Amino acid sequence: MKINESQRVGGVNPYTRAQGAKPGAGAGGKGKVDEVQISSAAKELLGAKNSEEYRKRIEELKQQVSAGTYHVEAGKIADKLLPYFK
């Protein structure tokens, strides 16, 4: 059983046509420009990241974890996970 004729092996390659295409050569020759917009809430969170309270709390948590005194309440975790499983 022949799957391909010997003269047609590699005869159809859709990638060869795409190699000549230039990015942004679409309608009118103008390329699209990617754009990112950061919401005001995200900017606020970025500002809070540098605050002293944030750094202090992170240090406290690091010390508790390294000392083995950090306690996780399973009930609180279950309460937060429950809506995802419903």
C-alpha atoms as a PDB file:
ATOM      1  CA  MET A   1       0.000   0.000   0.000  1.00  0.00           C
ATOM      2  CA  LYS A   2       1.363   3.364  -1.033  1.00  0.00           C
ATOM      3  CA  ILE A   3       0.537   6.330   1.132  1.00  0.00           C
ATOM      4  CA  ASN A   4       2.293   8.928  -1.015  1.00  0.00           C
ATOM      5  CA  GLU A   5       3.336   8.810  -4.612  1.00  0.00           C
ATOM      6  CA  SER A   6       7.081   9.059  -5.010  1.00  0.00           C
ATOM      7  CA  GLN A   7       6.875  12.324  -6.959  1.00  0.00           C
ATOM      8  CA  ARG A   8       4.576  13.981  -4.424  1.00  0.00           C
ATOM      9  CA  VAL A   9       6.553  13.462  -1.216  1.00  0.00           C
ATOM     10  CA  GLY A  10       7.020  16.923   0.210  1.00  0.00           C
ATOM     11  CA  GLY A  11       5.062  18.420  -2.660  1.00  0.00           C
ATOM     12  CA  VAL A  12       2.561  20.167  -0.429  1.00  0.00           C
ATOM     13  CA  ASN A  13       4.098  22.138   2.398  1.00  0.00           C
ATOM     14  CA  PRO A  14       1.922  24.958   3.764  1.00  0.00           C
ATOM     15  CA  TYR A  15       4.885  26.448   5.598  1.00  0.00           C
ATOM     16  CA  THR A  16       6.760  27.345   2.418  1.00  0.00           C
ATOM     17  CA  ARG A  17       4.055  29.831   1.468  1.00  0.00           C
ATOM     18  CA  ALA A  18       4.096  31.410   4.913  1.00  0.00           C
ATOM     19  CA  GLN A  19       7.850  32.028   4.858  1.00  0.00           C
ATOM     20  CA  GLY A  20       7.517  34.809   2.302  1.00  0.00           C
ATOM     21  CA  ALA A  21       4.845  36.638   4.277  1.00  0.00           C
ATOM     22  CA  LYS A  22       6.019  39.650   6.205  1.00  0.00           C
ATOM     23  CA  PRO A  23       4.617  40.399   9.662  1.00  0.00           C
ATOM     24  CA  GLY A  24       2.332  43.394   9.643  1.00  0.00           C
ATOM     25  CA  ALA A  25       1.847  43.318   5.890  1.00  0.00           C
ATOM     26  CA  GLY A  26      -1.921  42.899   6.291  1.00  0.00           C
ATOM     27  CA  ALA A  27      -4.563  45.416   5.299  1.00  0.00           C
ATOM     28  CA  GLY A  28      -2.935  48.605   4.116  1.00  0.00           C
ATOM     29  CA  GLY A  29       0.554  47.467   5.101  1.00  0.00           C
ATOM     30  CA  LYS A  30       0.157  48.724   8.659  1.00  0.00           C
ATOM     31  CA  GLY A  31       1.126  46.326  11.435  1.00  0.00           C
ATOM     32  CA  LYS A  32      -0.714  45.962  14.683  1.00  0.00           C
ATOM     33  CA  VAL A  33       0.939  47.283  17.801  1.00  0.00           C
ATOM     34  CA  ASP A  34       0.522  45.395  21.052  1.00  0.00           C
ATOM     35  CA  GLU A  35      -0.732  47.459  23.928  1.00  0.00           C
ATOM     36  CA  VAL A  36      -0.935  46.832  27.661  1.00  0.00           C
ATOM     37  CA  GLN A  37      -3.197  48.734  30.024  1.00  0.00           C
ATOM     38  CA  ILE A  38      -2.761  48.473  33.786  1.00  0.00           C
ATOM     39  CA  SER A  39      -5.869  49.181  35.820  1.00  0.00           C
ATOM     40  CA  SER A  40      -5.882  51.632  38.694  1.00  0.00           C
ATOM     41  CA  ALA A  41      -6.470  48.745  41.139  1.00  0.00           C
ATOM     42  CA  ALA A  42      -3.353  46.988  39.861  1.00  0.00           C
ATOM     43  CA  LYS A  43      -1.346  50.205  40.145  1.00  0.00           C
ATOM     44  CA  GLU A  44      -2.547  50.567  43.713  1.00  0.00           C
ATOM     45  CA  LEU A  45      -1.431  47.021  44.504  1.00  0.00           C
ATOM     46  CA  LEU A  46       1.963  47.697  42.965  1.00  0.00           C
ATOM     47  CA  GLY A  47       2.323  50.769  45.188  1.00  0.00           C
ATOM     48  CA  ALA A  48       1.350  48.771  48.282  1.00  0.00           C
ATOM     49  CA  LYS A  49       3.996  46.202  47.475  1.00  0.00           C
ATOM     50  CA  ASN A  50       6.709  48.654  48.408  1.00  0.00           C
ATOM     51  CA  SER A  51       5.139  49.747  51.672  1.00  0.00           C
ATOM     52  CA  GLU A  52       6.847  49.105  54.983  1.00  0.00           C
ATOM     53  CA  GLU A  53       3.855  47.230  56.425  1.00  0.00           C
ATOM     54  CA  TYR A  54       3.973  44.743  53.585  1.00  0.00           C
ATOM     55  CA  ARG A  55       7.693  44.080  54.044  1.00  0.00           C
ATOM     56  CA  LYS A  56       7.304  43.737  57.818  1.00  0.00           C
ATOM     57  CA  ARG A  57       4.481  41.199  57.483  1.00  0.00           C
ATOM     58  CA  ILE A  58       6.471  39.144  54.972  1.00  0.00           C
ATOM     59  CA  GLU A  59       9.464  39.037  57.332  1.00  0.00           C
ATOM     60  CA  GLU A  60       7.232  37.892  60.202  1.00  0.00           C
ATOM     61  CA  LEU A  61       5.786  35.107  58.067  1.00  0.00           C
ATOM     62  CA  LYS A  62       9.253  34.008  56.920  1.00  0.00           C
ATOM     63  CA  GLN A  63      10.440  33.782  60.507  1.00  0.00           C
ATOM     64  CA  GLN A  64       7.364  31.798  61.578  1.00  0.00           C
ATOM     65  CA  VAL A  65       7.747  29.342  58.705  1.00  0.00           C
ATOM     66  CA  SER A  66      11.463  28.831  59.298  1.00  0.00           C
ATOM     67  CA  ALA A  67      10.895  28.360  63.048  1.00  0.00           C
ATOM     68  CA  GLY A  68       8.028  25.928  62.421  1.00  0.00           C
ATOM     69  CA  THR A  69       5.522  28.006  64.386  1.00  0.00           C
ATOM     70  CA  TYR A  70       3.339  29.047  61.427  1.00  0.00           C
ATOM     71  CA  HIS A  71      -0.123  27.519  61.814  1.00  0.00           C
ATOM     72  CA  VAL A  72      -2.518  27.128  58.913  1.00  0.00           C
ATOM     73  CA  GLU A  73      -6.194  26.868  59.790  1.00  0.00           C
ATOM     74  CA  ALA A  74      -7.713  24.129  57.644  1.00  0.00           C
ATOM     75  CA  GLY A  75     -11.218  25.523  58.112  1.00  0.00           C
ATOM     76  CA  LYS A  76     -10.321  28.848  56.502  1.00  0.00           C
ATOM     77  CA  ILE A  77      -8.677  27.111  53.547  1.00  0.00           C
ATOM     78  CA  ALA A  78     -11.721  24.870  53.111  1.00  0.00           C
ATOM     79  CA  ASP A  79     -14.047  27.879  53.207  1.00  0.00           C
ATOM     80  CA  LYS A  80     -12.086  29.560  50.417  1.00  0.00           C
ATOM     81  CA  LEU A  81     -11.852  26.404  48.271  1.00  0.00           C
ATOM     82  CA  LEU A  82     -15.469  25.329  48.653  1.00  0.00           C
ATOM     83  CA  PRO A  83     -16.948  27.809  46.112  1.00  0.00           C
ATOM     84  CA  TYR A  84     -14.595  26.504  43.404  1.00  0.00           C
ATOM     85  CA  PHE A  85     -15.822  22.944  43.820  1.00  0.00           C
ATOM     86  CA  LYS A  86     -19.534  23.789  43.792  1.00  0.00           C
END
